[in-house]
Amino acid sequence: MSARILVLLQCFQLAILLLHDWVPLGSWNDLPAARKQHSQKALALGTFVSSLFPLIGLVLSVAYWNSGWPRWLYIYLLAAYGFLFIGEVEAWWIPYLVWSQPKRAAEYAVMYSNTFAFLPARNGLRINALHCVLHTATLGTVLILIAYFVRP
């Protein structure tokens, strides 16, 4: 059961990571605004860096689906999604909850001010709904993986 959930979470997160800067998703993203802030080369590099380790994890998860996941794959997934979550916290939640980062807030305002958000602005930052959904899925993935290591 948890392997199935983990694969679904990986597919969901990888889809967001690969597509959110490239495919119009209505009010969930704003492609013209992203291109005002970053070149296509920079966006492509960001997409590559953020999705490489999750992609490897998904490929390995599917490859070992029938034979059962070896312990090292759980360790790899925990490292990949743990680092992804740390990056999400550093890029979004620390500036939002702890201290202002005006340069980052200004960059995000250009890229995400026209996207759907349900959280109020704080410290000059407004976290959009797509990132909230992605970060929640990443946290869920990390918690499921941690539960694998602490189960009796």
C-alpha atoms as a PDB file:
ATOM      1  CA  MET A   1       0.000   0.000   0.000  1.00  0.00           C
ATOM      2  CA  SER A   2       2.628   2.586   0.974  1.00  0.00           C
ATOM      3  CA  ALA A   3       4.703   1.774  -2.137  1.00  0.00           C
ATOM      4  CA  ARG A   4       1.682   2.534  -4.322  1.00  0.00           C
ATOM      5  CA  ILE A   5       1.084   5.825  -2.484  1.00  0.00           C
ATOM      6  CA  LEU A   6       4.772   6.723  -2.772  1.00  0.00           C
ATOM      7  CA  VAL A   7       4.776   6.108  -6.524  1.00  0.00           C
ATOM      8  CA  LEU A   8       1.630   8.206  -6.947  1.00  0.00           C
ATOM      9  CA  LEU A   9       3.150  11.024  -4.878  1.00  0.00           C
ATOM     10  CA  GLN A  10       6.356  10.828  -6.901  1.00  0.00           C
ATOM     11  CA  CYS A  11       4.423  11.015 -10.191  1.00  0.00           C
ATOM     12  CA  PHE A  12       2.381  13.958  -8.932  1.00  0.00           C
ATOM     13  CA  GLN A  13       5.397  15.914  -7.680  1.00  0.00           C
ATOM     14  CA  LEU A  14       7.477  15.176 -10.760  1.00  0.00           C
ATOM     15  CA  ALA A  15       4.637  16.357 -12.982  1.00  0.00           C
ATOM     16  CA  ILE A  16       4.517  19.668 -11.104  1.00  0.00           C
ATOM     17  CA  LEU A  17       8.307  20.066 -11.135  1.00  0.00           C
ATOM     18  CA  LEU A  18       8.565  19.320 -14.856  1.00  0.00           C
ATOM     19  CA  LEU A  19       5.541  21.271 -16.075  1.00  0.00           C
ATOM     20  CA  HIS A  20       4.862  24.293 -13.866  1.00  0.00           C
ATOM     21  CA  ASP A  21       7.299  26.593 -15.711  1.00  0.00           C
ATOM     22  CA  TRP A  22       6.413  25.285 -19.180  1.00  0.00           C
ATOM     23  CA  VAL A  23       2.718  24.402 -19.489  1.00  0.00           C
ATOM     24  CA  PRO A  24      -0.101  26.864 -18.825  1.00  0.00           C
ATOM     25  CA  LEU A  25      -2.111  25.732 -15.805  1.00  0.00           C
ATOM     26  CA  GLY A  26      -4.676  28.519 -15.637  1.00  0.00           C
ATOM     27  CA  SER A  27      -4.455  30.549 -12.445  1.00  0.00           C
ATOM     28  CA  TRP A  28      -2.042  28.008 -10.940  1.00  0.00           C
ATOM     29  CA  ASN A  29       0.919  29.503 -12.848  1.00  0.00           C
ATOM     30  CA  ASP A  30       1.836  32.527 -14.954  1.00  0.00           C
ATOM     31  CA  LEU A  31       4.277  31.611 -17.715  1.00  0.00           C
ATOM     32  CA  PRO A  32       4.759  35.138 -19.148  1.00  0.00           C
ATOM     33  CA  ALA A  33       5.587  36.441 -15.671  1.00  0.00           C
ATOM     34  CA  ALA A  34       8.104  33.634 -15.097  1.00  0.00           C
ATOM     35  CA  ARG A  35       9.794  34.576 -18.379  1.00  0.00           C
ATOM     36  CA  LYS A  36       9.974  38.220 -17.330  1.00  0.00           C
ATOM     37  CA  GLN A  37      11.977  37.169 -14.294  1.00  0.00           C
ATOM     38  CA  HIS A  38      14.115  34.341 -15.753  1.00  0.00           C
ATOM     39  CA  SER A  39      15.449  33.356 -19.149  1.00  0.00           C
ATOM     40  CA  GLN A  40      14.335  30.113 -20.731  1.00  0.00           C
ATOM     41  CA  LYS A  41      17.836  28.769 -20.105  1.00  0.00           C
ATOM     42  CA  ALA A  42      17.574  29.584 -16.391  1.00  0.00           C
ATOM     43  CA  LEU A  43      14.098  28.031 -16.195  1.00  0.00           C
ATOM     44  CA  ALA A  44      15.342  24.902 -17.986  1.00  0.00           C
ATOM     45  CA  LEU A  45      18.271  24.614 -15.597  1.00  0.00           C
ATOM     46  CA  GLY A  46      15.929  25.049 -12.626  1.00  0.00           C
ATOM     47  CA  THR A  47      13.601  22.380 -13.988  1.00  0.00           C
ATOM     48  CA  PHE A  48      16.521  20.007 -14.550  1.00  0.00           C
ATOM     49  CA  VAL A  49      18.055  20.531 -11.111  1.00  0.00           C
ATOM     50  CA  SER A  50      14.780  20.266  -9.185  1.00  0.00           C
ATOM     51  CA  SER A  51      13.498  17.193 -11.014  1.00  0.00           C
ATOM     52  CA  LEU A  52      16.624  15.095 -11.673  1.00  0.00           C
ATOM     53  CA  PHE A  53      16.769  13.193  -8.367  1.00  0.00           C
ATOM     54  CA  PRO A  54      12.988  12.718  -8.116  1.00  0.00           C
ATOM     55  CA  LEU A  55      13.007  11.396 -11.707  1.00  0.00           C
ATOM     56  CA  ILE A  56      15.755   8.901 -10.883  1.00  0.00           C
ATOM     57  CA  GLY A  57      13.804   7.861  -7.780  1.00  0.00           C
ATOM     58  CA  LEU A  58      10.622   7.309  -9.766  1.00  0.00           C
ATOM     59  CA  VAL A  59      12.408   5.276 -12.449  1.00  0.00           C
ATOM     60  CA  LEU A  60      14.018   3.090  -9.773  1.00  0.00           C
ATOM     61  CA  SER A  61      10.721   2.742  -7.902  1.00  0.00           C
ATOM     62  CA  VAL A  62       9.011   1.466 -11.033  1.00  0.00           C
ATOM     63  CA  ALA A  63      11.973  -0.762 -11.938  1.00  0.00           C
ATOM     64  CA  TYR A  64      11.804  -2.500  -8.543  1.00  0.00           C
ATOM     65  CA  TRP A  65       8.004  -2.555  -8.382  1.00  0.00           C
ATOM     66  CA  ASN A  66       7.571  -6.316  -8.883  1.00  0.00           C
ATOM     67  CA  SER A  67      10.606  -7.508  -6.930  1.00  0.00           C
ATOM     68  CA  GLY A  68      10.113  -5.189  -3.950  1.00  0.00           C
ATOM     69  CA  TRP A  69      12.050  -2.079  -3.136  1.00  0.00           C
ATOM     70  CA  PRO A  70      15.490  -2.656  -1.636  1.00  0.00           C
ATOM     71  CA  ARG A  71      16.349  -0.725   1.532  1.00  0.00           C
ATOM     72  CA  TRP A  72      18.832   1.473  -0.346  1.00  0.00           C
ATOM     73  CA  LEU A  73      15.996   2.733  -2.565  1.00  0.00           C
ATOM     74  CA  TYR A  74      14.074   3.930   0.495  1.00  0.00           C
ATOM     75  CA  ILE A  75      17.269   5.672   1.658  1.00  0.00           C
ATOM     76  CA  TYR A  76      17.725   7.256  -1.773  1.00  0.00           C
ATOM     77  CA  LEU A  77      14.110   8.433  -1.864  1.00  0.00           C
ATOM     78  CA  LEU A  78      14.343   9.845   1.649  1.00  0.00           C
ATOM     79  CA  ALA A  79      17.516  11.737   0.697  1.00  0.00           C
ATOM     80  CA  ALA A  80      16.073  13.014  -2.612  1.00  0.00           C
ATOM     81  CA  TYR A  81      12.756  14.152  -1.174  1.00  0.00           C
ATOM     82  CA  GLY A  82      14.332  15.279   2.101  1.00  0.00           C
ATOM     83  CA  PHE A  83      16.669  17.628   0.223  1.00  0.00           C
ATOM     84  CA  LEU A  84      13.812  18.765  -2.016  1.00  0.00           C
ATOM     85  CA  PHE A  85      11.737  19.588   1.070  1.00  0.00           C
ATOM     86  CA  ILE A  86      14.635  21.430   2.712  1.00  0.00           C
ATOM     87  CA  GLY A  87      14.947  23.501  -0.469  1.00  0.00           C
ATOM     88  CA  GLU A  88      11.228  24.248  -0.438  1.00  0.00           C
ATOM     89  CA  VAL A  89      11.372  25.333   3.203  1.00  0.00           C
ATOM     90  CA  GLU A  90      14.425  27.521   2.568  1.00  0.00           C
ATOM     91  CA  ALA A  91      12.997  29.098  -0.583  1.00  0.00           C
ATOM     92  CA  TRP A  92       9.431  29.668   0.598  1.00  0.00           C
ATOM     93  CA  TRP A  93       8.567  28.972   4.219  1.00  0.00           C
ATOM     94  CA  ILE A  94      11.488  30.544   6.067  1.00  0.00           C
ATOM     95  CA  PRO A  95      11.080  33.863   4.217  1.00  0.00           C
ATOM     96  CA  TYR A  96       7.314  33.634   4.686  1.00  0.00           C
ATOM     97  CA  LEU A  97       7.230  32.653   8.369  1.00  0.00           C
ATOM     98  CA  VAL A  98      10.539  33.746   9.904  1.00  0.00           C
ATOM     99  CA  TRP A  99      12.258  36.690   8.253  1.00  0.00           C
ATOM    100  CA  SER A 100      11.825  38.884   5.261  1.00  0.00           C
ATOM    101  CA  GLN A 101      13.998  38.428   2.189  1.00  0.00           C
ATOM    102  CA  PRO A 102      13.078  41.478   0.094  1.00  0.00           C
ATOM    103  CA  LYS A 103      14.980  40.426  -3.028  1.00  0.00           C
ATOM    104  CA  ARG A 104      13.307  37.017  -3.099  1.00  0.00           C
ATOM    105  CA  ALA A 105       9.918  38.559  -2.281  1.00  0.00           C
ATOM    106  CA  ALA A 106      10.278  40.969  -5.215  1.00  0.00           C
ATOM    107  CA  GLU A 107      11.246  38.124  -7.573  1.00  0.00           C
ATOM    108  CA  TYR A 108       8.334  35.969  -6.443  1.00  0.00           C
ATOM    109  CA  ALA A 109       5.940  38.930  -6.724  1.00  0.00           C
ATOM    110  CA  VAL A 110       6.788  39.237 -10.417  1.00  0.00           C
ATOM    111  CA  MET A 111       6.441  35.510 -11.036  1.00  0.00           C
ATOM    112  CA  TYR A 112       3.455  34.604  -8.875  1.00  0.00           C
ATOM    113  CA  SER A 113       1.314  37.692  -8.146  1.00  0.00           C
ATOM    114  CA  ASN A 114      -1.241  36.653 -10.791  1.00  0.00           C
ATOM    115  CA  THR A 115      -1.533  33.079  -9.538  1.00  0.00           C
ATOM    116  CA  PHE A 116      -4.115  31.619  -7.185  1.00  0.00           C
ATOM    117  CA  ALA A 117      -3.187  31.836  -3.495  1.00  0.00           C
ATOM    118  CA  PHE A 118      -5.192  31.230  -0.348  1.00  0.00           C
ATOM    119  CA  LEU A 119      -2.601  32.204   2.279  1.00  0.00           C
ATOM    120  CA  PRO A 120      -2.262  35.886   3.163  1.00  0.00           C
ATOM    121  CA  ALA A 121       0.881  37.789   2.216  1.00  0.00           C
ATOM    122  CA  ARG A 122       3.496  37.836   4.961  1.00  0.00           C
ATOM    123  CA  ASN A 123       6.986  39.356   5.032  1.00  0.00           C
ATOM    124  CA  GLY A 124       6.341  40.607   1.503  1.00  0.00           C
ATOM    125  CA  LEU A 125       5.772  37.041   0.251  1.00  0.00           C
ATOM    126  CA  ARG A 126       2.617  35.393  -1.012  1.00  0.00           C
ATOM    127  CA  ILE A 127       2.892  31.628  -1.404  1.00  0.00           C
ATOM    128  CA  ASN A 128       0.731  30.482  -4.283  1.00  0.00           C
ATOM    129  CA  ALA A 129      -1.513  27.428  -4.130  1.00  0.00           C
ATOM    130  CA  LEU A 130       0.537  25.330  -6.566  1.00  0.00           C
ATOM    131  CA  HIS A 131       3.591  25.611  -4.335  1.00  0.00           C
ATOM    132  CA  CYS A 132       1.509  24.852  -1.229  1.00  0.00           C
ATOM    133  CA  VAL A 133       0.216  21.691  -2.907  1.00  0.00           C
ATOM    134  CA  LEU A 134       3.711  20.675  -4.049  1.00  0.00           C
ATOM    135  CA  HIS A 135       5.234  21.277  -0.614  1.00  0.00           C
ATOM    136  CA  THR A 136       2.446  19.353   1.108  1.00  0.00           C
ATOM    137  CA  ALA A 137       3.013  16.395  -1.224  1.00  0.00           C
ATOM    138  CA  THR A 138       6.763  16.546  -0.584  1.00  0.00           C
ATOM    139  CA  LEU A 139       6.216  16.608   3.176  1.00  0.00           C
ATOM    140  CA  GLY A 140       3.823  13.663   2.876  1.00  0.00           C
ATOM    141  CA  THR A 141       6.396  11.719   0.894  1.00  0.00           C
ATOM    142  CA  VAL A 142       9.098  12.408   3.478  1.00  0.00           C
ATOM    143  CA  LEU A 143       6.811  11.392   6.353  1.00  0.00           C
ATOM    144  CA  ILE A 144       5.834   8.113   4.661  1.00  0.00           C
ATOM    145  CA  LEU A 145       9.498   7.350   4.030  1.00  0.00           C
ATOM    146  CA  ILE A 146      10.420   8.140   7.640  1.00  0.00           C
ATOM    147  CA  ALA A 147       7.599   5.861   8.805  1.00  0.00           C
ATOM    148  CA  TYR A 148       9.205   3.028   6.829  1.00  0.00           C
ATOM    149  CA  PHE A 149      12.373   3.350   8.934  1.00  0.00           C
ATOM    150  CA  VAL A 150      10.645   3.657  12.327  1.00  0.00           C
ATOM    151  CA  ARG A 151       8.040   0.936  11.900  1.00  0.00           C
ATOM    152  CA  PRO A 152       8.371  -2.068  14.209  1.00  0.00           C
END
